[in-house]
Amino acid sequence: MTARITGRVQGVGFRWWVRRQAAQLGLTGWVMNDDDERGVELVAEGAPADLDVLERSLCRGPDGARVEAVHASRSLASGEFDEFGIMRG
């Protein structure tokens, strides 16, 4: 799954929250802030049911966040990730 989350999602611990959610679900991939400072991007791979849980969670976000939109899409997993990490954008 690739996703872009917009709203008040930078400066509120959103990336760390996503990393924790993904790790609890056994997902791999990465999350990072967008360059435009309005959003967060991520790539997550794992079981479809676990990706569904993550996608629903993204709509809420952590305390302090205000999610305006989640644009997610699914494609075949690349298998290139060993864990879920935070990348610098």
C-alpha atoms as a PDB file:
ATOM      1  CA  MET A   1       0.000   0.000   0.000  1.00  0.00           C
ATOM      2  CA  THR A   2       1.151   3.504  -0.730  1.00  0.00           C
ATOM      3  CA  ALA A   3      -0.563   6.388   1.012  1.00  0.00           C
ATOM      4  CA  ARG A   4      -0.427  10.159   1.356  1.00  0.00           C
ATOM      5  CA  ILE A   5      -1.987  11.689   4.432  1.00  0.00           C
ATOM      6  CA  THR A   6      -2.697  15.417   4.532  1.00  0.00           C
ATOM      7  CA  GLY A   7      -3.741  17.796   7.271  1.00  0.00           C
ATOM      8  CA  ARG A   8      -2.000  18.662  10.506  1.00  0.00           C
ATOM      9  CA  VAL A   9       0.272  15.626  10.408  1.00  0.00           C
ATOM     10  CA  GLN A  10       3.739  17.125  10.757  1.00  0.00           C
ATOM     11  CA  GLY A  11       5.152  18.163  14.101  1.00  0.00           C
ATOM     12  CA  VAL A  12       2.713  15.956  16.034  1.00  0.00           C
ATOM     13  CA  GLY A  13       4.615  12.629  16.111  1.00  0.00           C
ATOM     14  CA  PHE A  14       2.675  11.209  13.183  1.00  0.00           C
ATOM     15  CA  ARG A  15       5.628   9.315  11.635  1.00  0.00           C
ATOM     16  CA  TRP A  16       6.573   7.703  14.959  1.00  0.00           C
ATOM     17  CA  TRP A  17       2.938   6.777  15.550  1.00  0.00           C
ATOM     18  CA  VAL A  18       2.691   5.163  12.081  1.00  0.00           C
ATOM     19  CA  ARG A  19       5.910   3.259  12.704  1.00  0.00           C
ATOM     20  CA  ARG A  20       4.537   1.880  15.984  1.00  0.00           C
ATOM     21  CA  GLN A  21       1.184   0.942  14.377  1.00  0.00           C
ATOM     22  CA  ALA A  22       2.931  -0.791  11.460  1.00  0.00           C
ATOM     23  CA  ALA A  23       5.311  -2.695  13.746  1.00  0.00           C
ATOM     24  CA  GLN A  24       2.414  -3.953  15.880  1.00  0.00           C
ATOM     25  CA  LEU A  25       0.753  -5.248  12.713  1.00  0.00           C
ATOM     26  CA  GLY A  26       3.938  -6.884  11.413  1.00  0.00           C
ATOM     27  CA  LEU A  27       4.114  -4.613   8.358  1.00  0.00           C
ATOM     28  CA  THR A  28       7.265  -3.525   6.577  1.00  0.00           C
ATOM     29  CA  GLY A  29       8.033  -0.352   4.616  1.00  0.00           C
ATOM     30  CA  TRP A  30       8.644   3.286   5.464  1.00  0.00           C
ATOM     31  CA  VAL A  31       7.043   6.625   6.347  1.00  0.00           C
ATOM     32  CA  MET A  32       8.322  10.172   5.750  1.00  0.00           C
ATOM     33  CA  ASN A  33       7.219  13.799   5.725  1.00  0.00           C
ATOM     34  CA  ASP A  34       6.328  15.359   2.377  1.00  0.00           C
ATOM     35  CA  ASP A  35       8.582  18.124   1.126  1.00  0.00           C
ATOM     36  CA  ASP A  36       5.642  20.545   1.009  1.00  0.00           C
ATOM     37  CA  GLU A  37       5.173  20.278   4.815  1.00  0.00           C
ATOM     38  CA  ARG A  38       1.453  19.464   4.454  1.00  0.00           C
ATOM     39  CA  GLY A  39       1.537  15.722   4.442  1.00  0.00           C
ATOM     40  CA  VAL A  40       3.105  12.385   5.182  1.00  0.00           C
ATOM     41  CA  GLU A  41       3.809   9.597   2.697  1.00  0.00           C
ATOM     42  CA  LEU A  42       4.220   5.912   3.366  1.00  0.00           C
ATOM     43  CA  VAL A  43       4.730   2.537   1.792  1.00  0.00           C
ATOM     44  CA  ALA A  44       3.532  -0.476   3.765  1.00  0.00           C
ATOM     45  CA  GLU A  45       3.656  -4.156   2.864  1.00  0.00           C
ATOM     46  CA  GLY A  46       2.053  -7.108   4.585  1.00  0.00           C
ATOM     47  CA  ALA A  47      -1.143  -9.095   4.866  1.00  0.00           C
ATOM     48  CA  PRO A  48      -4.163  -7.388   3.268  1.00  0.00           C
ATOM     49  CA  ALA A  49      -6.165  -7.505   6.515  1.00  0.00           C
ATOM     50  CA  ASP A  50      -3.317  -5.794   8.398  1.00  0.00           C
ATOM     51  CA  LEU A  51      -3.051  -3.130   5.695  1.00  0.00           C
ATOM     52  CA  ASP A  52      -6.792  -2.540   6.097  1.00  0.00           C
ATOM     53  CA  VAL A  53      -6.287  -1.943   9.829  1.00  0.00           C
ATOM     54  CA  LEU A  54      -3.434   0.487   9.184  1.00  0.00           C
ATOM     55  CA  GLU A  55      -5.434   2.369   6.546  1.00  0.00           C
ATOM     56  CA  ARG A  56      -8.362   2.819   8.947  1.00  0.00           C
ATOM     57  CA  SER A  57      -5.953   3.985  11.668  1.00  0.00           C
ATOM     58  CA  LEU A  58      -4.426   6.582   9.342  1.00  0.00           C
ATOM     59  CA  CYS A  59      -7.802   8.316   9.158  1.00  0.00           C
ATOM     60  CA  ARG A  60      -7.610   9.016  12.908  1.00  0.00           C
ATOM     61  CA  GLY A  61      -3.910   9.563  13.500  1.00  0.00           C
ATOM     62  CA  PRO A  62      -2.324  10.195  16.890  1.00  0.00           C
ATOM     63  CA  ASP A  63      -3.440  12.728  19.484  1.00  0.00           C
ATOM     64  CA  GLY A  64      -2.663  16.219  18.229  1.00  0.00           C
ATOM     65  CA  ALA A  65      -3.061  15.326  14.554  1.00  0.00           C
ATOM     66  CA  ARG A  66      -5.903  16.513  12.349  1.00  0.00           C
ATOM     67  CA  VAL A  67      -6.177  14.245   9.330  1.00  0.00           C
ATOM     68  CA  GLU A  68      -7.921  15.923   6.402  1.00  0.00           C
ATOM     69  CA  ALA A  69      -7.491  13.179   3.783  1.00  0.00           C
ATOM     70  CA  VAL A  70      -5.936   9.761   3.241  1.00  0.00           C
ATOM     71  CA  HIS A  71      -5.218   8.793  -0.359  1.00  0.00           C
ATOM     72  CA  ALA A  72      -4.203   5.131  -0.451  1.00  0.00           C
ATOM     73  CA  SER A  73      -3.680   2.615  -3.206  1.00  0.00           C
ATOM     74  CA  ARG A  74      -2.656  -1.023  -3.318  1.00  0.00           C
ATOM     75  CA  SER A  75      -0.266  -2.891  -5.557  1.00  0.00           C
ATOM     76  CA  LEU A  76       1.802  -6.060  -5.350  1.00  0.00           C
ATOM     77  CA  ALA A  77       4.378  -6.057  -2.566  1.00  0.00           C
ATOM     78  CA  SER A  78       7.990  -5.651  -3.619  1.00  0.00           C
ATOM     79  CA  GLY A  79       9.366  -7.680  -0.713  1.00  0.00           C
ATOM     80  CA  GLU A  80      12.338  -5.325  -0.455  1.00  0.00           C
ATOM     81  CA  PHE A  81      11.753  -4.210   3.149  1.00  0.00           C
ATOM     82  CA  ASP A  82      12.898  -6.043   6.289  1.00  0.00           C
ATOM     83  CA  GLU A  83      11.234  -3.702   8.783  1.00  0.00           C
ATOM     84  CA  PHE A  84       9.190  -0.515   8.994  1.00  0.00           C
ATOM     85  CA  GLY A  85      11.320   2.619   9.236  1.00  0.00           C
ATOM     86  CA  ILE A  86      11.176   6.382   9.215  1.00  0.00           C
ATOM     87  CA  MET A  87      12.856   8.060   6.253  1.00  0.00           C
ATOM     88  CA  ARG A  88      13.964  11.660   6.021  1.00  0.00           C
ATOM     89  CA  GLY A  89      12.068  13.636   3.423  1.00  0.00           C
END
